[in-house]
Amino acid sequence: MNRKLDVGGTLSQVFSTYGQQAGVLLPLAFGLFLLVAILTGLFAGSFLLSLIAIVVGVIAGTLYQGMVVSLVRDVQDGTRDSSVGQLIEETWPVVLPLIGAGILAGIGITIGTFLLIVPGLILLTIWSVIAPVIVVERSGAIDAFGRSRALVKGNGWQVFGVILVVFLIAAVASFVFRAIGASISDSFAMLALFSLIASTLTAPITALAASVIYFRLVALHGEPAVTEPGSAGDAPLPPSPA
């Protein structure tokens, strides 16, 4: 197939979905990151308890990413039918594979970046839809790497372009909010509050990007849209803007 991923259309869908589903995305992000922030603050004096807080943070972040994937899958027909509870129910069974794949991908990308930078960026691109593959297709952590690479093949530059733009937007937004907090007060509480706000606002962007890229790549490969986890349905494919 000669069709390529539409970078502008993909970014447009990311932010339109953000706006349409903000009532779900933002409270979920705020609740999960608030829990992590509270635990981090409470457990700061103990190495063991701090480690527990880190683990909870990893699980919370992974669960959130998975829930966003489920949300994007649900709205492919234009409406959201799943409740927050159903999104959690769909994502929870694959939290461990998501964490395992995330750790492996993180190690590989970090090593590649430290070596020559470019290999790290290549891995970041070809592994960009690992999480959606695991959540939607119920793939194992290891198999998800190959599946992600196969989906991205032929659209590497386009996928990298979306990732780069999303990363820059999230980084700038995060910097601005943290800077605002620091300008108001350098107290730990103020910095933590604005850090929480920044995380809440930016987390949906990166999670949505991976999800939207996945469904668009599936459509470009001529595969049927998946309407239920682990099964292919006959719902309409994601629309591609002209």
Foldseek 3Di string as FASTA:
>chain_A
DQDEDDLVQLLVVLVVCCVVCVVPQLVLLLVQVVVLLVQCVVCVVDPVSNVVSVVSNLLSLLLSLQLLLLQVLQCLLPDHDDDSVVSSVLRVVCSVQSSVLVVVLVVQLVVLCVPPNVSSLQSCQLLLQLSSCCRAQVDGNVVSSVVSNVLCPPHRVSSSVNVVVLVVVLVVLLVVQLVVLVVVDVDPVSNSVSNSVSSSVSSSSSSSSSSSSVLVSCVVVVHARGNHRNDGDNRDGRDDDD
